[in-house]
């Protein structure tokens, strides 16, 4: 039987705990051959705190754990009876449905790309009003014109002496108003 991806609903905030517990229980029961990967989909985000860049993890599906497994009575009971697991998502209560291969690939791709280049925790959009908090234009307000996530820079139109002047700044130099 082929292993498929299933979504397990866990208590929010306990996703990593559920993942570790599942891995331990699978080893205890000797069911390693019927399970594949178990993961909590996360991506790395960068935020500015106290003028320093800090990396942290953000879950894109809080409260959910992805489990690659062969579905049968034994594996179903092992997952279902794991502490802090609320059940499976999809299908019926007694017969959960796996997610499609395309959905699983999209999530795995997002996990991999998130590990390569961390995303900023704060997202900016053109037309949004921001406040400059650092540099020669500190305490000025401006309107976002362009956002470059690759370089972590934002182009802001700042009013200087009554004229709109485009200024290119780093994400850490501005904050949402």
C-alpha atoms as a PDB file:
ATOM      1  CA  UNK A   1       0.000   0.000   0.000  1.00  0.00           C
ATOM      2  CA  UNK A   2       1.299   3.463  -0.894  1.00  0.00           C
ATOM      3  CA  UNK A   3       1.893   6.125   1.744  1.00  0.00           C
ATOM      4  CA  UNK A   4      -0.323   9.218   1.357  1.00  0.00           C
ATOM      5  CA  UNK A   5      -0.299  12.580   3.124  1.00  0.00           C
ATOM      6  CA  UNK A   6      -2.951  13.189   5.793  1.00  0.00           C
ATOM      7  CA  UNK A   7      -3.664  16.338   7.760  1.00  0.00           C
ATOM      8  CA  UNK A   8      -3.919  15.844  11.519  1.00  0.00           C
ATOM      9  CA  UNK A   9      -5.632  18.495  13.657  1.00  0.00           C
ATOM     10  CA  UNK A  10      -3.652  19.156  16.836  1.00  0.00           C
ATOM     11  CA  UNK A  11      -4.041  21.585  19.725  1.00  0.00           C
ATOM     12  CA  UNK A  12      -2.757  24.967  18.568  1.00  0.00           C
ATOM     13  CA  UNK A  13       0.715  25.591  19.924  1.00  0.00           C
ATOM     14  CA  UNK A  14       1.379  21.861  20.400  1.00  0.00           C
ATOM     15  CA  UNK A  15       2.153  20.963  16.760  1.00  0.00           C
ATOM     16  CA  UNK A  16       5.865  20.200  17.368  1.00  0.00           C
ATOM     17  CA  UNK A  17       4.985  18.283  20.555  1.00  0.00           C
ATOM     18  CA  UNK A  18       2.477  16.138  18.619  1.00  0.00           C
ATOM     19  CA  UNK A  19       5.081  15.534  15.904  1.00  0.00           C
ATOM     20  CA  UNK A  20       7.680  14.338  18.451  1.00  0.00           C
ATOM     21  CA  UNK A  21       5.118  12.185  20.290  1.00  0.00           C
ATOM     22  CA  UNK A  22       3.994  10.554  17.029  1.00  0.00           C
ATOM     23  CA  UNK A  23       7.595   9.732  16.077  1.00  0.00           C
ATOM     24  CA  UNK A  24       8.187   8.156  19.538  1.00  0.00           C
ATOM     25  CA  UNK A  25       4.934   6.132  19.444  1.00  0.00           C
ATOM     26  CA  UNK A  26       5.641   4.861  15.889  1.00  0.00           C
ATOM     27  CA  UNK A  27       9.075   3.617  17.042  1.00  0.00           C
ATOM     28  CA  UNK A  28       7.580   2.007  20.180  1.00  0.00           C
ATOM     29  CA  UNK A  29       4.933   0.160  18.143  1.00  0.00           C
ATOM     30  CA  UNK A  30       7.480  -0.816  15.447  1.00  0.00           C
ATOM     31  CA  UNK A  31       5.393   0.764  12.659  1.00  0.00           C
ATOM     32  CA  UNK A  32       8.210   2.676  10.939  1.00  0.00           C
ATOM     33  CA  UNK A  33       7.502   0.870   7.645  1.00  0.00           C
ATOM     34  CA  UNK A  34       3.903   2.187   7.549  1.00  0.00           C
ATOM     35  CA  UNK A  35       4.796   5.843   8.172  1.00  0.00           C
ATOM     36  CA  UNK A  36       6.860   8.298   6.133  1.00  0.00           C
ATOM     37  CA  UNK A  37       7.569  11.912   7.000  1.00  0.00           C
ATOM     38  CA  UNK A  38       5.823  13.814   9.775  1.00  0.00           C
ATOM     39  CA  UNK A  39       6.120  17.572   9.626  1.00  0.00           C
ATOM     40  CA  UNK A  40       4.801  20.883  10.872  1.00  0.00           C
ATOM     41  CA  UNK A  41       4.853  23.221   7.837  1.00  0.00           C
ATOM     42  CA  UNK A  42       6.885  26.294   8.816  1.00  0.00           C
ATOM     43  CA  UNK A  43       8.850  29.028   7.101  1.00  0.00           C
ATOM     44  CA  UNK A  44      11.595  31.239   8.443  1.00  0.00           C
ATOM     45  CA  UNK A  45      10.720  34.907   8.910  1.00  0.00           C
ATOM     46  CA  UNK A  46      12.973  37.854   9.682  1.00  0.00           C
ATOM     47  CA  UNK A  47      11.853  40.698  11.906  1.00  0.00           C
ATOM     48  CA  UNK A  48      13.567  43.760  13.265  1.00  0.00           C
ATOM     49  CA  UNK A  49      13.665  44.005  17.061  1.00  0.00           C
ATOM     50  CA  UNK A  50      15.736  46.558  18.960  1.00  0.00           C
ATOM     51  CA  UNK A  51      17.506  47.441  15.693  1.00  0.00           C
ATOM     52  CA  UNK A  52      18.655  43.836  15.133  1.00  0.00           C
ATOM     53  CA  UNK A  53      17.470  41.276  12.611  1.00  0.00           C
ATOM     54  CA  UNK A  54      15.963  38.255  14.319  1.00  0.00           C
ATOM     55  CA  UNK A  55      14.988  35.033  12.615  1.00  0.00           C
ATOM     56  CA  UNK A  56      12.012  33.065  13.817  1.00  0.00           C
ATOM     57  CA  UNK A  57       9.713  30.349  12.536  1.00  0.00           C
ATOM     58  CA  UNK A  58       6.139  30.927  11.492  1.00  0.00           C
ATOM     59  CA  UNK A  59       3.689  28.078  10.937  1.00  0.00           C
ATOM     60  CA  UNK A  60       1.636  28.498   7.798  1.00  0.00           C
ATOM     61  CA  UNK A  61      -1.038  26.107   9.051  1.00  0.00           C
ATOM     62  CA  UNK A  62      -1.250  26.624  12.842  1.00  0.00           C
ATOM     63  CA  UNK A  63      -2.930  23.682  14.558  1.00  0.00           C
ATOM     64  CA  UNK A  64      -2.073  21.152  11.843  1.00  0.00           C
ATOM     65  CA  UNK A  65       0.539  18.425  11.402  1.00  0.00           C
ATOM     66  CA  UNK A  66       1.163  16.626   8.093  1.00  0.00           C
ATOM     67  CA  UNK A  67       1.634  12.865   8.357  1.00  0.00           C
ATOM     68  CA  UNK A  68       2.694  10.603   5.490  1.00  0.00           C
ATOM     69  CA  UNK A  69       1.276   7.153   6.224  1.00  0.00           C
ATOM     70  CA  UNK A  70      -0.495   4.040   5.042  1.00  0.00           C
ATOM     71  CA  UNK A  71      -4.046   4.253   6.356  1.00  0.00           C
ATOM     72  CA  UNK A  72      -5.260   1.140   8.151  1.00  0.00           C
ATOM     73  CA  UNK A  73      -6.856   0.409  11.528  1.00  0.00           C
ATOM     74  CA  UNK A  74      -3.516   0.211  13.358  1.00  0.00           C
ATOM     75  CA  UNK A  75      -2.059   3.453  12.010  1.00  0.00           C
ATOM     76  CA  UNK A  76      -5.409   5.270  12.373  1.00  0.00           C
ATOM     77  CA  UNK A  77      -5.652   4.301  16.067  1.00  0.00           C
ATOM     78  CA  UNK A  78      -2.010   5.204  16.754  1.00  0.00           C
ATOM     79  CA  UNK A  79      -2.484   8.747  15.394  1.00  0.00           C
ATOM     80  CA  UNK A  80      -6.008   9.239  16.781  1.00  0.00           C
ATOM     81  CA  UNK A  81      -4.990   8.166  20.314  1.00  0.00           C
ATOM     82  CA  UNK A  82      -1.924  10.424  20.463  1.00  0.00           C
ATOM     83  CA  UNK A  83      -2.238  13.073  23.203  1.00  0.00           C
ATOM     84  CA  UNK A  84      -3.271  16.541  21.948  1.00  0.00           C
ATOM     85  CA  UNK A  85      -4.535  15.179  18.609  1.00  0.00           C
ATOM     86  CA  UNK A  86      -8.108  16.228  17.833  1.00  0.00           C
ATOM     87  CA  UNK A  87      -8.478  14.041  14.729  1.00  0.00           C
ATOM     88  CA  UNK A  88      -7.972  13.975  10.988  1.00  0.00           C
ATOM     89  CA  UNK A  89      -9.063  16.663   8.518  1.00  0.00           C
ATOM     90  CA  UNK A  90     -10.999  15.545   5.439  1.00  0.00           C
ATOM     91  CA  UNK A  91     -13.127  12.510   4.694  1.00  0.00           C
ATOM     92  CA  UNK A  92     -15.376  11.078   7.409  1.00  0.00           C
ATOM     93  CA  UNK A  93     -14.671  10.644  11.108  1.00  0.00           C
ATOM     94  CA  UNK A  94     -13.912   6.931  10.664  1.00  0.00           C
ATOM     95  CA  UNK A  95     -12.339   7.083   7.207  1.00  0.00           C
ATOM     96  CA  UNK A  96     -10.091  10.140   6.714  1.00  0.00           C
ATOM     97  CA  UNK A  97      -9.255  11.282   3.186  1.00  0.00           C
ATOM     98  CA  UNK A  98      -5.672  12.090   2.184  1.00  0.00           C
ATOM     99  CA  UNK A  99      -4.773  15.407   0.570  1.00  0.00           C
ATOM    100  CA  UNK A 100      -3.943  15.292  -3.147  1.00  0.00           C
ATOM    101  CA  UNK A 101      -0.374  14.818  -4.346  1.00  0.00           C
ATOM    102  CA  UNK A 102      -0.460  18.312  -5.856  1.00  0.00           C
ATOM    103  CA  UNK A 103      -1.478  19.863  -2.503  1.00  0.00           C
ATOM    104  CA  UNK A 104       1.257  17.912  -0.703  1.00  0.00           C
ATOM    105  CA  UNK A 105       3.898  18.960  -3.266  1.00  0.00           C
ATOM    106  CA  UNK A 106       2.846  22.631  -2.996  1.00  0.00           C
ATOM    107  CA  UNK A 107       3.217  22.551   0.809  1.00  0.00           C
ATOM    108  CA  UNK A 108       6.585  20.758   0.646  1.00  0.00           C
ATOM    109  CA  UNK A 109       7.834  23.233  -1.975  1.00  0.00           C
ATOM    110  CA  UNK A 110       6.795  26.140   0.256  1.00  0.00           C
ATOM    111  CA  UNK A 111       8.617  24.590   3.237  1.00  0.00           C
ATOM    112  CA  UNK A 112      11.798  24.176   1.149  1.00  0.00           C
ATOM    113  CA  UNK A 113      11.694  27.678  -0.369  1.00  0.00           C
ATOM    114  CA  UNK A 114      11.014  29.177   3.071  1.00  0.00           C
ATOM    115  CA  UNK A 115      14.200  27.579   4.395  1.00  0.00           C
ATOM    116  CA  UNK A 116      16.287  29.039   1.529  1.00  0.00           C
ATOM    117  CA  UNK A 117      15.279  32.671   1.847  1.00  0.00           C
ATOM    118  CA  UNK A 118      13.590  33.929   4.989  1.00  0.00           C
ATOM    119  CA  UNK A 119      10.600  36.214   4.484  1.00  0.00           C
ATOM    120  CA  UNK A 120      10.075  39.448   6.371  1.00  0.00           C
ATOM    121  CA  UNK A 121       7.538  39.144   9.151  1.00  0.00           C
ATOM    122  CA  UNK A 122       5.953  42.464   8.171  1.00  0.00           C
ATOM    123  CA  UNK A 123       4.631  42.648   4.621  1.00  0.00           C
ATOM    124  CA  UNK A 124       4.345  45.993   2.860  1.00  0.00           C
ATOM    125  CA  UNK A 125       2.014  46.902  -0.002  1.00  0.00           C
ATOM    126  CA  UNK A 126       2.147  49.803  -2.476  1.00  0.00           C
ATOM    127  CA  UNK A 127      -0.128  52.650  -1.404  1.00  0.00           C
ATOM    128  CA  UNK A 128       0.301  51.883   2.305  1.00  0.00           C
ATOM    129  CA  UNK A 129       1.345  54.686   4.689  1.00  0.00           C
ATOM    130  CA  UNK A 130       4.520  53.950   6.682  1.00  0.00           C
ATOM    131  CA  UNK A 131       6.618  55.866   9.193  1.00  0.00           C
ATOM    132  CA  UNK A 132      10.399  56.132   8.801  1.00  0.00           C
ATOM    133  CA  UNK A 133      11.980  55.204  12.145  1.00  0.00           C
ATOM    134  CA  UNK A 134      15.690  55.294  11.294  1.00  0.00           C
ATOM    135  CA  UNK A 135      18.116  57.254   9.138  1.00  0.00           C
ATOM    136  CA  UNK A 136      18.072  60.844   7.849  1.00  0.00           C
ATOM    137  CA  UNK A 137      14.299  60.746   7.253  1.00  0.00           C
ATOM    138  CA  UNK A 138      13.381  59.496  10.747  1.00  0.00           C
ATOM    139  CA  UNK A 139       9.920  60.616  11.938  1.00  0.00           C
ATOM    140  CA  UNK A 140       8.743  61.315   8.386  1.00  0.00           C
ATOM    141  CA  UNK A 141       5.644  59.576   7.051  1.00  0.00           C
ATOM    142  CA  UNK A 142       5.542  58.291   3.493  1.00  0.00           C
ATOM    143  CA  UNK A 143       3.606  56.202   1.033  1.00  0.00           C
ATOM    144  CA  UNK A 144       5.011  52.878  -0.193  1.00  0.00           C
ATOM    145  CA  UNK A 145       5.605  52.958  -3.962  1.00  0.00           C
ATOM    146  CA  UNK A 146       7.520  49.711  -4.556  1.00  0.00           C
ATOM    147  CA  UNK A 147       8.507  46.671  -2.475  1.00  0.00           C
ATOM    148  CA  UNK A 148      11.557  44.501  -3.233  1.00  0.00           C
ATOM    149  CA  UNK A 149      11.409  41.375  -1.057  1.00  0.00           C
ATOM    150  CA  UNK A 150      14.554  39.989  -2.688  1.00  0.00           C
ATOM    151  CA  UNK A 151      16.659  42.870  -1.352  1.00  0.00           C
ATOM    152  CA  UNK A 152      14.444  43.596   1.688  1.00  0.00           C
ATOM    153  CA  UNK A 153      14.029  47.181   0.534  1.00  0.00           C
ATOM    154  CA  UNK A 154      11.051  49.472   0.084  1.00  0.00           C
ATOM    155  CA  UNK A 155      10.702  52.635  -2.010  1.00  0.00           C
ATOM    156  CA  UNK A 156       8.764  55.285  -0.085  1.00  0.00           C
ATOM    157  CA  UNK A 157       7.503  58.669  -1.300  1.00  0.00           C
ATOM    158  CA  UNK A 158       8.321  61.089   1.538  1.00  0.00           C
ATOM    159  CA  UNK A 159       7.079  64.701   1.668  1.00  0.00           C
ATOM    160  CA  UNK A 160      10.115  66.962   2.082  1.00  0.00           C
ATOM    161  CA  UNK A 161       9.491  70.728   1.983  1.00  0.00           C
ATOM    162  CA  UNK A 162       6.118  70.097   0.338  1.00  0.00           C
ATOM    163  CA  UNK A 163       7.577  67.911  -2.439  1.00  0.00           C
ATOM    164  CA  UNK A 164       7.139  64.179  -2.788  1.00  0.00           C
ATOM    165  CA  UNK A 165      10.600  62.603  -2.862  1.00  0.00           C
ATOM    166  CA  UNK A 166      11.178  58.868  -3.501  1.00  0.00           C
ATOM    167  CA  UNK A 167      13.501  57.341  -0.914  1.00  0.00           C
ATOM    168  CA  UNK A 168      14.765  53.751  -0.899  1.00  0.00           C
ATOM    169  CA  UNK A 169      14.957  52.232   2.590  1.00  0.00           C
ATOM    170  CA  UNK A 170      15.495  48.852   4.242  1.00  0.00           C
ATOM    171  CA  UNK A 171      12.526  47.076   5.835  1.00  0.00           C
ATOM    172  CA  UNK A 172      14.019  47.730   9.281  1.00  0.00           C
ATOM    173  CA  UNK A 173      14.011  51.497   8.727  1.00  0.00           C
ATOM    174  CA  UNK A 174      10.221  51.749   8.358  1.00  0.00           C
ATOM    175  CA  UNK A 175       7.193  50.591  10.301  1.00  0.00           C
ATOM    176  CA  UNK A 176       3.510  50.452   9.496  1.00  0.00           C
ATOM    177  CA  UNK A 177       1.739  53.590  10.675  1.00  0.00           C
END
